[in-house]
């Protein structure tokens, strides 16, 4: 016959079943949509206040939102759809490395090339792609398990949009300081189109780099990787060249003359409001056409990579 324990006696604690920790943070579906929608609403309100009051105080918030909103939403979408198993640290680290190391390396390499020179655009494009690829390799140097085309495409895109966010913010800030109400529109549009330019180029090179990564984590800079880097550098340079000739096209379309010094600053002198809007449109159409070629290249890599169908 058992007797109850005396009062105050310690009781044995039977541990309950422990639930295994989730392998990755649970981010709710559609977070990127909410981030993009709320960010656009805040950006629109900031733009209205800035334009109405003609105050320069909201300009930093306007520039930062214009430069980082779409890249951040794109990274959230990429993580939610195709990068949960890669880990938050890898995706976030690539985004930050692209913004810091990529821009720093590209600035140092670009400053060593005389400007203007016939091959300046191609040299700068190649320097930027090499810097972003180096930022990707540096971020993943201690994570040998991350390899394959899918990982390269996702993390390469994260590096590219991080680079584009900082670069677009710098261009928009310079434009805002020079002429706060004149050239800000094209630079903000550049920020909104960031994932479809810099992010796409680095996704292709990142897919080539990680597809050939050895199981021990060492990177192989084999001919396919070099060819991919050269190919996206050509597309990158072509997109920049089309953007550079946009002022000339605007002048030709609006019937202005071609007097000497017209293109000295890269923009028509004292452009009208119609010319400014036309410049924004023309400077976006040319690079968009080049981006379609890069998108087709990236989609061909996706179709040849079966794990895309089984991503978390």
Foldseek 3Di string as FASTA:
>chain_A
DDDDDDPPDDDDDDDDDDDDDDLADDDDPPPLVVLLVVLVVVLVVLVVVCVVVVDCVSVLVNLLSLLPSQLVSVLVVLCVQFNRNVYPQLLVQLLQLLQPQLLVQLVVQLVVDDPPDPCSLLSSLLSSLVRSVVSNLVSCQPPLVQFALSSQLSSQLSSQSSNRSNVLSVVLVVVCVVPVPFQNVLSSVSSNCRSLQSSLLRSQLRSQFRNQADSVRHTDCDVVSVVSSSVSSVLSSQLVVQLLCLQVVLCVVVVHDDDPPQCVPSHGPPDDPVSRVSSSVSNPVRNVVSSVVSVVSSVVSVVVGVCSVVGD
